[in-house]
Amino acid sequence: MVPKKSSDKSLMRISAAAAAAAVTKQTLEYYVMLGLVDPIRLKGRRGRFFDKDTVKRIRLIRELNQSGYTLRDIRQTYLAGR
């Protein structure tokens, strides 16, 4: 998966993105590991960054999961449209 480009100013580090999406950092790391969301990697900078669209996607994943959908179902449905 190729992450889209965003301006550096609108990007958040993993802790800030997790807080904005109302999930823990560990939850966000798990979503990344499962391939549900992709961090944006910036040349010459260490760490993972996330944009506002990704934060919205994280919220949607969390809501779907809390509604009874498994992360596997969410991944299969979400990635089928990519």
C-alpha atoms as a PDB file:
ATOM      1  CA  MET A   1       0.000   0.000   0.000  1.00  0.00           C
ATOM      2  CA  VAL A   2       1.361   3.366  -0.964  1.00  0.00           C
ATOM      3  CA  PRO A   3       0.554   6.080   1.564  1.00  0.00           C
ATOM      4  CA  LYS A   4      -0.753   9.337   0.206  1.00  0.00           C
ATOM      5  CA  LYS A   5       1.223  12.519   0.613  1.00  0.00           C
ATOM      6  CA  SER A   6       0.208  15.257   3.030  1.00  0.00           C
ATOM      7  CA  SER A   7       1.805  18.460   4.143  1.00  0.00           C
ATOM      8  CA  ASP A   8       4.081  18.108   7.159  1.00  0.00           C
ATOM      9  CA  LYS A   9       1.996  20.643   9.089  1.00  0.00           C
ATOM     10  CA  SER A  10      -1.160  18.525   9.057  1.00  0.00           C
ATOM     11  CA  LEU A  11       0.542  15.326  10.200  1.00  0.00           C
ATOM     12  CA  MET A  12       0.460  13.892  13.706  1.00  0.00           C
ATOM     13  CA  ARG A  13       2.773  11.479  15.444  1.00  0.00           C
ATOM     14  CA  ILE A  14       1.275   8.181  16.537  1.00  0.00           C
ATOM     15  CA  SER A  15       0.449   9.321  20.097  1.00  0.00           C
ATOM     16  CA  ALA A  16      -1.343  12.452  18.895  1.00  0.00           C
ATOM     17  CA  ALA A  17      -3.239  10.537  16.205  1.00  0.00           C
ATOM     18  CA  ALA A  18      -4.331   7.907  18.725  1.00  0.00           C
ATOM     19  CA  ALA A  19      -5.556  10.602  21.113  1.00  0.00           C
ATOM     20  CA  ALA A  20      -7.416  12.396  18.300  1.00  0.00           C
ATOM     21  CA  ALA A  21      -9.112   9.122  17.331  1.00  0.00           C
ATOM     22  CA  ALA A  22      -9.910   8.254  20.965  1.00  0.00           C
ATOM     23  CA  VAL A  23      -7.937   4.999  20.925  1.00  0.00           C
ATOM     24  CA  THR A  24      -4.788   3.967  22.730  1.00  0.00           C
ATOM     25  CA  LYS A  25      -1.401   4.088  21.065  1.00  0.00           C
ATOM     26  CA  GLN A  26      -1.284   0.292  21.325  1.00  0.00           C
ATOM     27  CA  THR A  27      -4.630   0.010  19.510  1.00  0.00           C
ATOM     28  CA  LEU A  28      -3.374   2.222  16.701  1.00  0.00           C
ATOM     29  CA  GLU A  29      -0.161   0.186  16.468  1.00  0.00           C
ATOM     30  CA  TYR A  30      -2.304  -2.959  16.229  1.00  0.00           C
ATOM     31  CA  TYR A  31      -4.407  -1.426  13.421  1.00  0.00           C
ATOM     32  CA  VAL A  32      -1.181  -0.613  11.553  1.00  0.00           C
ATOM     33  CA  MET A  33       0.115  -4.147  12.091  1.00  0.00           C
ATOM     34  CA  LEU A  34      -3.141  -5.596  10.703  1.00  0.00           C
ATOM     35  CA  GLY A  35      -2.986  -3.309   7.681  1.00  0.00           C
ATOM     36  CA  LEU A  36      -6.160  -1.404   8.573  1.00  0.00           C
ATOM     37  CA  VAL A  37      -4.383   1.954   8.389  1.00  0.00           C
ATOM     38  CA  ASP A  38      -1.097   3.086   6.925  1.00  0.00           C
ATOM     39  CA  PRO A  39       1.288   5.598   8.441  1.00  0.00           C
ATOM     40  CA  ILE A  40       2.857   8.250   6.277  1.00  0.00           C
ATOM     41  CA  ARG A  41       6.632   8.067   6.239  1.00  0.00           C
ATOM     42  CA  LEU A  42       8.538  11.252   5.620  1.00  0.00           C
ATOM     43  CA  LYS A  43      11.989  11.218   4.070  1.00  0.00           C
ATOM     44  CA  GLY A  44      14.652  12.173   6.539  1.00  0.00           C
ATOM     45  CA  ARG A  45      12.311  11.939   9.529  1.00  0.00           C
ATOM     46  CA  ARG A  46      11.937   9.077  11.922  1.00  0.00           C
ATOM     47  CA  GLY A  47       8.646   7.826  13.171  1.00  0.00           C
ATOM     48  CA  ARG A  48       5.189   7.247  11.829  1.00  0.00           C
ATOM     49  CA  PHE A  49       2.859  10.087  10.989  1.00  0.00           C
ATOM     50  CA  PHE A  50      -0.872  10.142  10.371  1.00  0.00           C
ATOM     51  CA  ASP A  51      -3.141  12.660   8.682  1.00  0.00           C
ATOM     52  CA  LYS A  52      -6.688  13.767   9.498  1.00  0.00           C
ATOM     53  CA  ASP A  53      -8.225  11.316   7.007  1.00  0.00           C
ATOM     54  CA  THR A  54      -6.468   8.438   8.728  1.00  0.00           C
ATOM     55  CA  VAL A  55      -7.777   9.624  12.104  1.00  0.00           C
ATOM     56  CA  LYS A  56     -11.315   9.540  10.660  1.00  0.00           C
ATOM     57  CA  ARG A  57     -10.679   6.010   9.384  1.00  0.00           C
ATOM     58  CA  ILE A  58      -9.420   4.930  12.821  1.00  0.00           C
ATOM     59  CA  ARG A  59     -12.615   6.266  14.417  1.00  0.00           C
ATOM     60  CA  LEU A  60     -14.721   4.380  11.868  1.00  0.00           C
ATOM     61  CA  ILE A  61     -12.811   1.146  12.499  1.00  0.00           C
ATOM     62  CA  ARG A  62     -13.291   1.537  16.247  1.00  0.00           C
ATOM     63  CA  GLU A  63     -17.026   2.240  15.840  1.00  0.00           C
ATOM     64  CA  LEU A  64     -17.530  -0.738  13.543  1.00  0.00           C
ATOM     65  CA  ASN A  65     -15.591  -2.972  15.921  1.00  0.00           C
ATOM     66  CA  GLN A  66     -17.674  -1.785  18.881  1.00  0.00           C
ATOM     67  CA  SER A  67     -20.822  -2.474  16.831  1.00  0.00           C
ATOM     68  CA  GLY A  68     -19.887  -6.139  16.570  1.00  0.00           C
ATOM     69  CA  TYR A  69     -17.822  -6.364  13.392  1.00  0.00           C
ATOM     70  CA  THR A  70     -14.548  -8.215  13.777  1.00  0.00           C
ATOM     71  CA  LEU A  71     -11.326  -6.535  12.729  1.00  0.00           C
ATOM     72  CA  ARG A  72     -10.939  -9.294  10.165  1.00  0.00           C
ATOM     73  CA  ASP A  73     -14.344  -8.448   8.652  1.00  0.00           C
ATOM     74  CA  ILE A  74     -13.495  -4.753   8.667  1.00  0.00           C
ATOM     75  CA  ARG A  75     -10.172  -5.399   6.966  1.00  0.00           C
ATOM     76  CA  GLN A  76     -11.684  -7.638   4.289  1.00  0.00           C
ATOM     77  CA  THR A  77     -14.482  -5.184   3.555  1.00  0.00           C
ATOM     78  CA  TYR A  78     -12.294  -2.078   3.718  1.00  0.00           C
ATOM     79  CA  LEU A  79      -9.418  -3.446   1.675  1.00  0.00           C
ATOM     80  CA  ALA A  80     -11.737  -4.934  -0.950  1.00  0.00           C
ATOM     81  CA  GLY A  81     -12.497  -1.381  -2.073  1.00  0.00           C
ATOM     82  CA  ARG A  82      -8.853  -0.300  -2.293  1.00  0.00           C
END
